[in-house]
N, C-alpha and C. Protein backbone atom coordinates (compact mmCIF):
# COMPACT_ATOMS: atom_id res chain seq x y z
N MET A 1 84.71 128.59 -25.89
CA MET A 1 85.72 128.05 -24.99
C MET A 1 86.88 129.02 -24.85
N LYS A 2 87.30 129.59 -26.00
CA LYS A 2 88.39 130.55 -25.99
C LYS A 2 88.02 131.78 -25.19
N ILE A 3 86.75 132.21 -25.36
CA ILE A 3 86.27 133.39 -24.63
C ILE A 3 86.31 133.13 -23.12
N GLY A 4 85.91 131.89 -22.74
CA GLY A 4 85.92 131.52 -21.33
C GLY A 4 87.32 131.53 -20.76
N LEU A 5 88.29 131.01 -21.53
CA LEU A 5 89.68 130.98 -21.08
C LEU A 5 90.26 132.37 -20.97
N LYS A 6 89.89 133.23 -21.92
CA LYS A 6 90.36 134.62 -21.86
C LYS A 6 89.80 135.33 -20.64
N GLY A 7 88.52 135.08 -20.36
CA GLY A 7 87.89 135.69 -19.18
C GLY A 7 88.56 135.22 -17.90
N LEU A 8 88.88 133.91 -17.84
CA LEU A 8 89.57 133.36 -16.67
C LEU A 8 90.96 133.95 -16.52
N GLN A 9 91.63 134.13 -17.66
CA GLN A 9 92.96 134.72 -17.64
C GLN A 9 92.93 136.14 -17.09
N LYS A 10 91.99 136.92 -17.56
CA LYS A 10 91.86 138.31 -17.09
C LYS A 10 91.55 138.37 -15.61
N THR A 11 90.67 137.45 -15.16
CA THR A 11 90.32 137.40 -13.74
C THR A 11 91.54 137.09 -12.88
N CYS A 12 92.35 136.14 -13.33
CA CYS A 12 93.57 135.77 -12.61
C CYS A 12 94.55 136.93 -12.56
N ILE A 13 94.65 137.67 -13.66
CA ILE A 13 95.55 138.82 -13.72
C ILE A 13 95.11 139.89 -12.73
N ILE A 14 93.78 140.16 -12.69
CA ILE A 14 93.24 141.16 -11.76
C ILE A 14 93.50 140.76 -10.32
N LEU A 15 93.26 139.47 -10.00
CA LEU A 15 93.49 138.98 -8.64
C LEU A 15 94.96 139.09 -8.25
N CYS A 16 95.85 138.81 -9.20
CA CYS A 16 97.29 138.95 -8.94
C CYS A 16 97.66 140.41 -8.69
N GLN A 17 97.04 141.32 -9.45
CA GLN A 17 97.30 142.74 -9.26
C GLN A 17 96.84 143.21 -7.89
N VAL A 18 95.66 142.72 -7.47
CA VAL A 18 95.15 143.08 -6.14
C VAL A 18 96.10 142.59 -5.07
N PHE A 19 96.54 141.32 -5.18
CA PHE A 19 97.45 140.77 -4.19
C PHE A 19 98.77 141.52 -4.18
N PHE A 20 99.28 141.86 -5.37
CA PHE A 20 100.54 142.58 -5.46
C PHE A 20 100.45 143.96 -4.82
N LEU A 21 99.38 144.68 -5.12
CA LEU A 21 99.19 146.00 -4.54
C LEU A 21 99.04 145.92 -3.02
N TRP A 22 98.30 144.93 -2.56
CA TRP A 22 98.09 144.77 -1.11
C TRP A 22 99.41 144.47 -0.42
N LYS A 23 100.22 143.60 -1.02
CA LYS A 23 101.48 143.20 -0.40
C LYS A 23 102.52 144.31 -0.49
N LYS A 24 102.48 145.07 -1.58
CA LYS A 24 103.47 146.12 -1.80
C LYS A 24 103.26 147.31 -0.88
N HIS A 25 102.02 147.70 -0.68
CA HIS A 25 101.73 148.90 0.09
C HIS A 25 101.55 148.57 1.56
N LYS A 26 102.46 149.04 2.37
CA LYS A 26 102.40 148.82 3.81
C LYS A 26 101.17 149.48 4.42
N LEU A 27 100.65 150.48 3.72
CA LEU A 27 99.48 151.20 4.22
C LEU A 27 98.29 150.27 4.42
N TYR A 28 98.21 149.24 3.61
CA TYR A 28 97.00 148.42 3.58
C TYR A 28 97.22 147.00 4.07
N ARG A 29 98.19 146.79 4.94
CA ARG A 29 98.43 145.46 5.48
C ARG A 29 97.47 145.14 6.61
N VAL A 30 97.25 143.83 6.81
CA VAL A 30 96.25 143.36 7.77
C VAL A 30 96.57 143.80 9.19
N LYS A 31 97.84 143.82 9.58
CA LYS A 31 98.22 144.21 10.94
C LYS A 31 97.76 145.63 11.24
N ARG A 32 97.93 146.52 10.27
CA ARG A 32 97.47 147.89 10.45
C ARG A 32 95.95 147.95 10.52
N MET A 33 95.30 147.09 9.75
CA MET A 33 93.85 147.11 9.72
C MET A 33 93.27 146.73 11.08
N LYS A 34 93.86 145.76 11.75
CA LYS A 34 93.36 145.31 13.05
C LYS A 34 93.33 146.46 14.06
N LYS A 35 94.37 147.28 14.03
CA LYS A 35 94.44 148.41 14.95
C LYS A 35 93.30 149.38 14.71
N TYR A 36 93.02 149.65 13.45
CA TYR A 36 91.95 150.58 13.11
C TYR A 36 90.58 149.98 13.37
N LEU A 37 90.43 148.68 13.16
CA LEU A 37 89.14 148.05 13.40
C LEU A 37 88.73 148.17 14.87
N LYS A 38 89.69 148.01 15.77
CA LYS A 38 89.40 148.18 17.20
C LYS A 38 88.90 149.58 17.48
N LEU A 39 89.55 150.56 16.86
CA LEU A 39 89.14 151.96 17.04
C LEU A 39 87.75 152.20 16.47
N PHE A 40 87.48 151.65 15.28
CA PHE A 40 86.17 151.83 14.65
C PHE A 40 85.05 151.25 15.50
N PHE A 41 85.26 150.03 16.00
CA PHE A 41 84.23 149.38 16.82
C PHE A 41 84.04 150.12 18.14
N SER A 42 85.12 150.66 18.70
CA SER A 42 85.00 151.41 19.95
C SER A 42 84.17 152.68 19.75
N LEU A 43 84.41 153.38 18.65
CA LEU A 43 83.65 154.59 18.35
C LEU A 43 82.19 154.27 18.09
N TYR A 44 81.95 153.20 17.34
CA TYR A 44 80.56 152.82 17.04
C TYR A 44 79.84 152.41 18.32
N ALA A 45 80.51 151.65 19.18
CA ALA A 45 79.90 151.21 20.44
C ALA A 45 79.58 152.40 21.33
N ALA A 46 80.48 153.39 21.35
CA ALA A 46 80.22 154.59 22.14
C ALA A 46 78.99 155.32 21.62
N GLY A 47 78.84 155.35 20.28
CA GLY A 47 77.66 155.97 19.68
C GLY A 47 76.38 155.22 20.03
N VAL A 48 76.45 153.89 20.05
CA VAL A 48 75.28 153.07 20.40
C VAL A 48 74.84 153.36 21.83
N VAL A 49 75.80 153.37 22.75
CA VAL A 49 75.49 153.64 24.17
C VAL A 49 74.84 155.01 24.32
N PHE A 50 75.42 156.00 23.65
CA PHE A 50 74.87 157.36 23.72
C PHE A 50 73.47 157.41 23.11
N GLY A 51 73.26 156.68 22.01
CA GLY A 51 71.94 156.64 21.37
C GLY A 51 70.89 156.00 22.26
N VAL A 52 71.26 154.92 22.94
CA VAL A 52 70.34 154.24 23.86
C VAL A 52 69.96 155.17 25.01
N LEU A 53 70.96 155.84 25.58
CA LEU A 53 70.70 156.74 26.71
C LEU A 53 69.81 157.91 26.30
N CYS A 54 70.11 158.52 25.15
CA CYS A 54 69.32 159.66 24.68
C CYS A 54 67.89 159.25 24.35
N CYS A 55 67.72 158.09 23.74
CA CYS A 55 66.38 157.62 23.37
C CYS A 55 65.56 157.33 24.63
N ASN A 56 66.19 156.70 25.61
CA ASN A 56 65.49 156.42 26.87
C ASN A 56 65.10 157.70 27.58
N PHE A 57 65.97 158.68 27.57
CA PHE A 57 65.68 159.97 28.20
C PHE A 57 64.52 160.67 27.50
N TYR A 58 64.52 160.62 26.17
CA TYR A 58 63.45 161.27 25.40
C TYR A 58 62.10 160.59 25.67
N ILE A 59 62.10 159.26 25.70
CA ILE A 59 60.86 158.53 25.96
C ILE A 59 60.34 158.82 27.36
N ARG A 60 61.26 158.90 28.32
CA ARG A 60 60.86 159.18 29.69
C ARG A 60 60.26 160.57 29.82
N GLU A 61 60.80 161.53 29.07
CA GLU A 61 60.33 162.91 29.16
C GLU A 61 59.08 163.16 28.32
N LYS A 62 59.07 162.65 27.09
CA LYS A 62 57.99 162.96 26.15
C LYS A 62 56.95 161.84 26.02
N GLY A 63 57.34 160.63 26.42
CA GLY A 63 56.44 159.50 26.24
C GLY A 63 56.63 158.89 24.86
N TYR A 64 56.07 157.71 24.66
CA TYR A 64 56.19 157.00 23.38
C TYR A 64 54.80 156.68 22.87
N GLN A 65 54.46 157.24 21.71
CA GLN A 65 53.10 157.09 21.21
C GLN A 65 53.04 156.50 19.80
N THR A 66 54.11 156.60 19.05
CA THR A 66 54.08 156.17 17.65
C THR A 66 54.40 154.69 17.51
N SER A 67 53.59 154.02 16.72
CA SER A 67 53.90 152.62 16.39
C SER A 67 54.81 152.62 15.17
N LEU A 68 56.03 152.18 15.37
CA LEU A 68 57.05 152.35 14.34
C LEU A 68 56.83 151.52 13.08
N LEU A 69 56.64 150.22 13.27
CA LEU A 69 56.66 149.34 12.12
C LEU A 69 55.48 149.51 11.16
N PRO A 70 54.25 149.73 11.65
CA PRO A 70 53.16 150.00 10.70
C PRO A 70 53.44 151.23 9.85
N VAL A 71 54.00 152.27 10.47
CA VAL A 71 54.35 153.48 9.73
C VAL A 71 55.43 153.17 8.71
N TYR A 72 56.41 152.35 9.13
CA TYR A 72 57.51 151.97 8.25
C TYR A 72 57.00 151.21 7.03
N LEU A 73 56.11 150.26 7.26
CA LEU A 73 55.55 149.48 6.16
C LEU A 73 54.69 150.33 5.24
N ALA A 74 53.89 151.21 5.85
CA ALA A 74 52.99 152.06 5.06
C ALA A 74 53.77 152.98 4.14
N SER A 75 54.95 153.41 4.59
CA SER A 75 55.74 154.35 3.79
C SER A 75 56.17 153.72 2.48
N PHE A 76 56.31 152.38 2.46
CA PHE A 76 56.71 151.71 1.23
C PHE A 76 55.51 151.24 0.41
N SER A 77 54.43 150.88 1.09
CA SER A 77 53.24 150.43 0.35
C SER A 77 52.58 151.58 -0.40
N ASN A 78 52.83 152.82 0.04
CA ASN A 78 52.24 153.98 -0.62
C ASN A 78 53.06 154.45 -1.83
N LEU A 79 54.25 153.90 -1.99
CA LEU A 79 55.10 154.32 -3.10
C LEU A 79 54.70 153.57 -4.36
N THR A 80 54.48 154.31 -5.43
CA THR A 80 54.07 153.67 -6.68
C THR A 80 55.23 152.92 -7.30
N GLU A 81 56.45 153.42 -7.13
CA GLU A 81 57.60 152.78 -7.74
C GLU A 81 58.35 151.91 -6.73
N GLY A 82 57.96 151.93 -5.47
CA GLY A 82 58.47 151.03 -4.46
C GLY A 82 59.98 150.89 -4.40
N ARG A 83 60.43 149.71 -4.76
CA ARG A 83 61.84 149.35 -4.60
C ARG A 83 62.76 150.19 -5.48
N GLU A 84 62.31 150.53 -6.68
CA GLU A 84 63.13 151.36 -7.56
C GLU A 84 63.38 152.73 -6.94
N TYR A 85 62.34 153.29 -6.32
CA TYR A 85 62.48 154.58 -5.64
C TYR A 85 63.48 154.47 -4.49
N LEU A 86 63.36 153.42 -3.70
CA LEU A 86 64.25 153.22 -2.55
C LEU A 86 65.69 153.03 -3.02
N PHE A 87 65.87 152.25 -4.09
CA PHE A 87 67.22 152.02 -4.62
C PHE A 87 67.87 153.33 -5.05
N GLY A 88 67.11 154.16 -5.78
CA GLY A 88 67.64 155.45 -6.21
C GLY A 88 67.95 156.37 -5.05
N ASN A 89 67.07 156.36 -4.05
CA ASN A 89 67.26 157.20 -2.88
C ASN A 89 68.50 156.79 -2.09
N LEU A 90 68.65 155.48 -1.89
CA LEU A 90 69.82 154.97 -1.17
C LEU A 90 71.10 155.20 -1.96
N LEU A 91 71.00 155.06 -3.27
CA LEU A 91 72.17 155.26 -4.13
C LEU A 91 72.69 156.69 -4.01
N ILE A 92 71.77 157.65 -3.97
CA ILE A 92 72.16 159.05 -3.83
C ILE A 92 72.77 159.31 -2.45
N LYS A 93 72.12 158.81 -1.39
CA LYS A 93 72.60 159.06 -0.03
C LYS A 93 73.93 158.37 0.23
N ARG A 94 74.01 157.07 -0.06
CA ARG A 94 75.25 156.33 0.18
C ARG A 94 76.36 156.83 -0.75
N GLY A 95 75.98 157.12 -2.00
CA GLY A 95 76.97 157.60 -2.96
C GLY A 95 77.54 158.95 -2.58
N THR A 96 76.70 159.84 -2.08
CA THR A 96 77.17 161.16 -1.65
C THR A 96 78.16 161.03 -0.50
N PHE A 97 77.82 160.18 0.48
CA PHE A 97 78.73 159.97 1.61
C PHE A 97 80.04 159.35 1.15
N PHE A 98 79.95 158.39 0.23
CA PHE A 98 81.15 157.73 -0.29
C PHE A 98 82.05 158.74 -1.00
N PHE A 99 81.44 159.61 -1.80
CA PHE A 99 82.21 160.61 -2.55
C PHE A 99 82.88 161.61 -1.60
N ILE A 100 82.12 162.11 -0.62
CA ILE A 100 82.67 163.07 0.33
C ILE A 100 83.79 162.44 1.15
N GLY A 101 83.57 161.18 1.58
CA GLY A 101 84.59 160.47 2.35
C GLY A 101 85.85 160.25 1.55
N THR A 102 85.69 159.93 0.26
CA THR A 102 86.85 159.71 -0.61
C THR A 102 87.68 160.99 -0.74
N ILE A 103 87.01 162.12 -0.93
CA ILE A 103 87.71 163.40 -1.03
C ILE A 103 88.38 163.76 0.30
N CYS A 104 87.66 163.55 1.40
CA CYS A 104 88.22 163.84 2.72
C CYS A 104 89.47 163.00 3.00
N GLY A 105 89.49 161.78 2.45
CA GLY A 105 90.65 160.91 2.64
C GLY A 105 91.92 161.48 2.03
N LEU A 106 91.78 162.38 1.08
CA LEU A 106 92.95 163.01 0.45
C LEU A 106 93.42 164.23 1.23
N THR A 107 92.72 164.55 2.30
CA THR A 107 93.03 165.73 3.12
C THR A 107 93.14 165.32 4.59
N PRO A 108 93.57 166.23 5.45
CA PRO A 108 93.63 165.91 6.89
C PRO A 108 92.25 165.74 7.53
N PHE A 109 91.18 166.11 6.81
CA PHE A 109 89.83 166.04 7.38
C PHE A 109 89.25 164.63 7.36
N GLY A 110 89.95 163.68 6.76
CA GLY A 110 89.44 162.32 6.68
C GLY A 110 89.24 161.68 8.04
N LEU A 111 90.19 161.84 8.94
CA LEU A 111 90.10 161.24 10.27
C LEU A 111 88.97 161.83 11.12
N PRO A 112 88.86 163.17 11.21
CA PRO A 112 87.72 163.74 11.96
C PRO A 112 86.37 163.34 11.37
N MET A 113 86.29 163.24 10.04
CA MET A 113 85.05 162.83 9.38
C MET A 113 84.66 161.42 9.80
N GLU A 114 85.65 160.54 9.91
CA GLU A 114 85.37 159.16 10.30
C GLU A 114 84.89 159.07 11.74
N VAL A 115 85.52 159.80 12.63
CA VAL A 115 85.12 159.79 14.04
C VAL A 115 83.66 160.22 14.17
N ALA A 116 83.33 161.34 13.52
CA ALA A 116 81.95 161.86 13.58
C ALA A 116 80.96 160.88 12.95
N SER A 117 81.33 160.27 11.83
CA SER A 117 80.44 159.35 11.12
C SER A 117 80.15 158.10 11.94
N LEU A 118 81.18 157.51 12.54
CA LEU A 118 81.00 156.29 13.31
C LEU A 118 80.18 156.55 14.58
N LEU A 119 80.41 157.68 15.22
CA LEU A 119 79.61 158.03 16.40
C LEU A 119 78.15 158.24 16.02
N TRP A 120 77.91 158.89 14.88
CA TRP A 120 76.54 159.15 14.43
C TRP A 120 75.83 157.86 14.04
N LEU A 121 76.52 156.97 13.32
CA LEU A 121 75.92 155.70 12.93
C LEU A 121 75.59 154.85 14.16
N GLY A 122 76.49 154.87 15.14
CA GLY A 122 76.22 154.16 16.38
C GLY A 122 75.04 154.74 17.13
N PHE A 123 74.95 156.07 17.11
CA PHE A 123 73.83 156.76 17.76
C PHE A 123 72.50 156.34 17.14
N LEU A 124 72.43 156.30 15.81
CA LEU A 124 71.21 155.88 15.12
C LEU A 124 70.87 154.42 15.43
N GLY A 125 71.91 153.58 15.46
CA GLY A 125 71.69 152.17 15.79
C GLY A 125 71.15 152.00 17.20
N GLY A 126 71.68 152.77 18.14
CA GLY A 126 71.21 152.72 19.52
C GLY A 126 69.76 153.16 19.64
N ASN A 127 69.40 154.19 18.89
CA ASN A 127 68.01 154.66 18.87
C ASN A 127 67.07 153.57 18.34
N LEU A 128 67.45 152.95 17.24
CA LEU A 128 66.61 151.93 16.62
C LEU A 128 66.40 150.74 17.55
N ILE A 129 67.47 150.26 18.15
CA ILE A 129 67.38 149.11 19.06
C ILE A 129 66.45 149.43 20.23
N THR A 130 66.61 150.64 20.81
CA THR A 130 65.79 151.03 21.95
C THR A 130 64.32 151.11 21.59
N LEU A 131 64.01 151.69 20.45
CA LEU A 131 62.61 151.84 20.03
C LEU A 131 61.94 150.49 19.78
N PHE A 132 62.67 149.56 19.18
CA PHE A 132 62.12 148.23 18.96
C PHE A 132 61.90 147.50 20.28
N LEU A 133 62.83 147.67 21.22
CA LEU A 133 62.69 147.03 22.52
C LEU A 133 61.50 147.59 23.29
N VAL A 134 61.31 148.91 23.22
CA VAL A 134 60.20 149.55 23.92
C VAL A 134 58.86 149.07 23.37
N GLU A 135 58.79 148.94 22.06
CA GLU A 135 57.50 148.58 21.46
C GLU A 135 57.21 147.09 21.46
N TYR A 136 58.23 146.26 21.28
CA TYR A 136 58.00 144.82 21.12
C TYR A 136 58.73 143.94 22.13
N GLY A 137 59.44 144.53 23.06
CA GLY A 137 60.14 143.72 24.05
C GLY A 137 61.35 143.02 23.45
N LEU A 138 61.68 141.84 23.99
CA LEU A 138 62.87 141.11 23.54
C LEU A 138 62.78 140.68 22.08
N LYS A 139 61.57 140.36 21.62
CA LYS A 139 61.44 139.95 20.22
C LYS A 139 61.73 141.11 19.27
N GLY A 140 61.71 142.34 19.83
CA GLY A 140 62.07 143.50 19.03
C GLY A 140 63.51 143.47 18.57
N MET A 141 64.37 142.77 19.32
CA MET A 141 65.78 142.65 18.92
C MET A 141 65.88 141.89 17.60
N GLY A 142 65.08 140.83 17.49
CA GLY A 142 65.08 140.07 16.24
C GLY A 142 64.55 140.88 15.08
N MET A 143 63.53 141.68 15.36
CA MET A 143 62.95 142.52 14.32
C MET A 143 63.91 143.62 13.90
N ALA A 144 64.64 144.16 14.88
CA ALA A 144 65.64 145.18 14.56
C ALA A 144 66.74 144.58 13.69
N GLY A 145 67.15 143.34 14.04
CA GLY A 145 68.18 142.67 13.24
C GLY A 145 67.70 142.40 11.83
N LEU A 146 66.41 142.10 11.69
CA LEU A 146 65.83 141.83 10.38
C LEU A 146 65.91 143.06 9.46
N CYS A 147 65.87 144.24 10.07
CA CYS A 147 65.94 145.48 9.28
C CYS A 147 67.28 145.62 8.56
N PHE A 148 68.31 144.94 9.08
CA PHE A 148 69.65 145.08 8.52
C PHE A 148 70.08 143.88 7.67
N PHE A 149 69.20 142.90 7.52
CA PHE A 149 69.57 141.68 6.81
C PHE A 149 68.90 141.62 5.44
N PRO A 150 69.60 141.19 4.37
CA PRO A 150 70.97 140.65 4.33
C PRO A 150 72.03 141.68 3.93
N GLN A 151 71.64 142.96 3.79
CA GLN A 151 72.59 143.97 3.30
C GLN A 151 73.78 144.15 4.23
N ILE A 152 73.60 143.80 5.51
CA ILE A 152 74.68 143.96 6.47
C ILE A 152 75.90 143.10 6.10
N LEU A 153 75.67 142.00 5.37
CA LEU A 153 76.75 141.12 4.94
C LEU A 153 77.68 141.83 3.96
N PHE A 154 77.17 142.86 3.29
CA PHE A 154 77.98 143.64 2.35
C PHE A 154 78.39 144.99 2.96
N TYR A 155 77.50 145.58 3.75
CA TYR A 155 77.78 146.89 4.33
C TYR A 155 78.92 146.86 5.34
N VAL A 156 78.92 145.85 6.21
CA VAL A 156 79.94 145.81 7.27
C VAL A 156 81.35 145.73 6.69
N PRO A 157 81.67 144.73 5.84
CA PRO A 157 83.03 144.71 5.28
C PRO A 157 83.30 145.90 4.37
N GLY A 158 82.28 146.32 3.61
CA GLY A 158 82.47 147.43 2.67
C GLY A 158 82.79 148.74 3.37
N TRP A 159 81.97 149.11 4.37
CA TRP A 159 82.18 150.38 5.07
C TRP A 159 83.42 150.34 5.96
N LEU A 160 83.70 149.19 6.58
CA LEU A 160 84.90 149.09 7.42
C LEU A 160 86.16 149.27 6.58
N PHE A 161 86.18 148.63 5.42
CA PHE A 161 87.35 148.76 4.55
C PHE A 161 87.43 150.18 3.99
N PHE A 162 86.28 150.78 3.71
CA PHE A 162 86.26 152.16 3.24
C PHE A 162 86.85 153.09 4.30
N PHE A 163 86.40 152.96 5.54
CA PHE A 163 86.93 153.79 6.62
C PHE A 163 88.43 153.56 6.81
N PHE A 164 88.84 152.31 6.67
CA PHE A 164 90.26 152.00 6.81
C PHE A 164 91.10 152.68 5.73
N LEU A 165 90.65 152.61 4.49
CA LEU A 165 91.37 153.24 3.39
C LEU A 165 91.46 154.75 3.56
N VAL A 166 90.32 155.36 3.93
CA VAL A 166 90.28 156.81 4.13
C VAL A 166 91.21 157.22 5.27
N ALA A 167 91.19 156.45 6.37
CA ALA A 167 92.04 156.77 7.52
C ALA A 167 93.51 156.68 7.17
N GLN A 168 93.88 155.62 6.43
CA GLN A 168 95.28 155.45 6.06
C GLN A 168 95.77 156.56 5.15
N MET A 169 94.95 156.91 4.18
CA MET A 169 95.35 157.96 3.24
C MET A 169 95.36 159.33 3.92
N SER A 170 94.37 159.59 4.74
CA SER A 170 94.28 160.89 5.42
C SER A 170 95.42 161.07 6.41
N GLN A 171 95.85 159.97 7.02
CA GLN A 171 96.92 160.04 8.01
C GLN A 171 98.21 160.56 7.40
N LYS A 172 98.39 160.30 6.11
CA LYS A 172 99.60 160.77 5.44
C LYS A 172 99.60 162.28 5.25
N SER A 173 98.42 162.89 5.38
CA SER A 173 98.33 164.35 5.26
C SER A 173 98.76 165.05 6.55
N TRP A 174 98.75 164.29 7.66
CA TRP A 174 99.18 164.86 8.93
C TRP A 174 100.71 164.81 9.01
N GLY A 175 101.30 165.90 9.40
CA GLY A 175 102.75 165.96 9.49
C GLY A 175 103.42 166.18 8.16
N ASN A 176 102.63 166.57 7.15
CA ASN A 176 103.17 166.88 5.81
C ASN A 176 103.95 165.71 5.21
N ARG A 177 103.47 164.50 5.45
CA ARG A 177 104.13 163.35 4.84
C ARG A 177 103.78 163.27 3.36
N LYS A 178 104.74 162.94 2.56
CA LYS A 178 104.58 162.96 1.11
C LYS A 178 103.77 161.75 0.62
N LYS A 179 102.82 162.03 -0.27
CA LYS A 179 102.06 160.96 -0.91
C LYS A 179 102.68 160.67 -2.27
N GLU A 180 102.92 159.40 -2.54
CA GLU A 180 103.49 159.00 -3.82
C GLU A 180 102.37 158.65 -4.80
N ALA A 181 102.74 158.59 -6.06
CA ALA A 181 101.75 158.25 -7.10
C ALA A 181 101.17 156.86 -6.86
N SER A 182 102.00 155.96 -6.35
CA SER A 182 101.52 154.60 -6.08
C SER A 182 100.48 154.58 -4.97
N ASP A 183 100.57 155.53 -4.03
CA ASP A 183 99.59 155.63 -2.95
C ASP A 183 98.21 155.97 -3.51
N TYR A 184 98.17 156.92 -4.42
CA TYR A 184 96.90 157.31 -5.05
C TYR A 184 96.33 156.16 -5.87
N LYS A 185 97.21 155.46 -6.58
CA LYS A 185 96.77 154.35 -7.42
C LYS A 185 96.13 153.26 -6.56
N ALA A 186 96.80 152.89 -5.46
CA ALA A 186 96.28 151.86 -4.57
C ALA A 186 94.99 152.32 -3.90
N TYR A 187 94.95 153.59 -3.51
CA TYR A 187 93.78 154.15 -2.82
C TYR A 187 92.53 154.02 -3.68
N PHE A 188 92.60 154.49 -4.91
CA PHE A 188 91.43 154.45 -5.79
C PHE A 188 91.14 153.04 -6.30
N PHE A 189 92.18 152.23 -6.41
CA PHE A 189 91.98 150.85 -6.85
C PHE A 189 91.15 150.08 -5.82
N PHE A 190 91.54 150.15 -4.56
CA PHE A 190 90.82 149.44 -3.51
C PHE A 190 89.45 150.06 -3.23
N LEU A 191 89.34 151.37 -3.40
CA LEU A 191 88.04 152.02 -3.22
C LEU A 191 87.03 151.54 -4.26
N THR A 192 87.52 151.24 -5.46
CA THR A 192 86.64 150.72 -6.50
C THR A 192 86.04 149.38 -6.09
N GLY A 193 86.87 148.51 -5.52
CA GLY A 193 86.38 147.24 -5.02
C GLY A 193 85.38 147.42 -3.88
N THR A 194 85.67 148.39 -3.01
CA THR A 194 84.76 148.70 -1.90
C THR A 194 83.42 149.20 -2.42
N LEU A 195 83.47 150.03 -3.45
CA LEU A 195 82.24 150.58 -4.04
C LEU A 195 81.36 149.47 -4.60
N ILE A 196 81.96 148.48 -5.23
CA ILE A 196 81.19 147.36 -5.77
C ILE A 196 80.48 146.61 -4.63
N CYS A 197 81.18 146.41 -3.53
CA CYS A 197 80.60 145.73 -2.37
C CYS A 197 79.42 146.52 -1.80
N LEU A 198 79.57 147.84 -1.73
CA LEU A 198 78.50 148.69 -1.21
C LEU A 198 77.29 148.74 -2.15
N LEU A 199 77.55 148.71 -3.45
CA LEU A 199 76.45 148.69 -4.42
C LEU A 199 75.62 147.42 -4.27
N LEU A 200 76.30 146.31 -4.01
CA LEU A 200 75.57 145.06 -3.76
C LEU A 200 74.73 145.17 -2.50
N GLY A 201 75.27 145.86 -1.48
CA GLY A 201 74.52 146.08 -0.25
C GLY A 201 73.29 146.93 -0.49
N ILE A 202 73.42 147.97 -1.31
CA ILE A 202 72.29 148.83 -1.63
C ILE A 202 71.21 148.05 -2.37
N TRP A 203 71.62 147.20 -3.31
CA TRP A 203 70.64 146.39 -4.04
C TRP A 203 69.93 145.44 -3.09
N MET A 204 70.68 144.81 -2.20
CA MET A 204 70.08 143.90 -1.21
C MET A 204 69.09 144.62 -0.31
N GLU A 205 69.45 145.82 0.13
CA GLU A 205 68.57 146.59 1.01
C GLU A 205 67.29 147.01 0.30
N SER A 206 67.40 147.35 -0.97
CA SER A 206 66.26 147.86 -1.72
C SER A 206 65.28 146.77 -2.13
N TYR A 207 65.79 145.62 -2.53
CA TYR A 207 64.92 144.58 -3.08
C TYR A 207 64.73 143.39 -2.14
N VAL A 208 65.82 142.77 -1.73
CA VAL A 208 65.72 141.56 -0.89
C VAL A 208 65.21 141.89 0.50
N ASN A 209 65.82 142.90 1.16
CA ASN A 209 65.43 143.24 2.53
C ASN A 209 63.98 143.71 2.61
N GLN A 210 63.55 144.53 1.69
CA GLN A 210 62.20 145.06 1.74
C GLN A 210 61.15 143.97 1.53
N ASN A 211 61.42 143.06 0.61
CA ASN A 211 60.50 141.94 0.41
C ASN A 211 60.43 141.06 1.65
N LEU A 212 61.60 140.77 2.22
CA LEU A 212 61.66 139.93 3.42
C LEU A 212 60.99 140.60 4.60
N LEU A 213 61.28 141.89 4.78
CA LEU A 213 60.75 142.63 5.92
C LEU A 213 59.23 142.75 5.84
N CYS A 214 58.72 143.11 4.69
CA CYS A 214 57.27 143.26 4.54
C CYS A 214 56.54 141.94 4.71
N HIS A 215 57.12 140.87 4.18
CA HIS A 215 56.50 139.55 4.28
C HIS A 215 56.41 139.10 5.74
N VAL A 216 57.49 139.26 6.49
CA VAL A 216 57.53 138.81 7.88
C VAL A 216 56.66 139.69 8.77
N LEU A 217 56.79 141.00 8.63
CA LEU A 217 56.10 141.91 9.53
C LEU A 217 54.59 141.96 9.29
N GLU A 218 54.17 141.75 8.06
CA GLU A 218 52.73 141.74 7.78
C GLU A 218 52.04 140.56 8.49
N LYS A 219 52.78 139.47 8.67
CA LYS A 219 52.23 138.31 9.39
C LYS A 219 52.38 138.48 10.89
N TRP A 220 53.42 139.24 11.28
CA TRP A 220 53.72 139.40 12.69
C TRP A 220 52.78 140.41 13.36
N LEU A 221 52.52 141.49 12.64
CA LEU A 221 51.73 142.58 13.24
C LEU A 221 50.24 142.24 13.28
């Protein structure tokens, strides 16, 4: 019982610290976040449109011959370690991007990195949607959505908050604005919370999503 009360006490203290840091630092207030979220969604949407146009142009010029989903399923059924392999692979890829983005956030390169990343992610999303539509028609939209579920519930808030933190910190590097020790403390503190959210997304993508996707598509195809 005492252990439970101590654990609850520590949890309350951590939550109070998070609230205090959020309220103290103007960099991380909700009003500022809304402005950046509009920019992030605009960049991602532009990438999606460009991805759709490029994919349609490629299909028109080269034709479409590959069946995507059987190849996708086969790539995992041939793996001896399956989900563990995927988890490690995603951990390295997502972790590398997270690390590079965190470092860029401490420099003026954080903002250009975010613009390029959001456009590229949108481009990939546009390609995926188009390919599913070409192969399966309107029901391909549902199948494309299935590829992102349930990890999207963790990835969307995690990556958006990550981009927001990096943008806010990087912006202070423009115009030689001084960074205080409290800025660094808040930056890494909130990034730690973001990292936990992304790790949950990686686990969901590796284990839950793959089981769900294989189960549904094996019956569908």
